[in-house]
């Protein structure tokens, strides 16, 4: 089992920044691909970003590319999502997730079903 706890959500004006963090406990953190997803009201959960086990490879949804940065610290068992130039469309509950699968190509591990463990989510609200 892997337990994930997100923090750092809040309310910000358009153009502002937030940094989300996710603390992991349980099994060896560095064995897992880590991802961030988000879910807006009445919408399906969607992929935001993921980072491989070593932190050497990342992949982003087109909607956040160039604005968001995912990073991890395997020594501290944490993964972060730095969000800049936030837009009202970024408003959602953001979830941290862990996958035991191996990303064999860039456009893989983009679905919620690819991830084994989830945090409880943290709300991000961007006002215009």
Foldseek 3Di string as FASTA:
>chain_A
DKAKAKDWADEEAAQAKTKMKIAIDDPQLLLWKKFKWWDDPPGDIWGAKIAHSVRPDMAGDPVQPPFKDWGDDSVRRMIMIIGGRDDQVPWTWMKMFIANDHPPDRPPPGDPVRTDDIYPTDTHGYHD
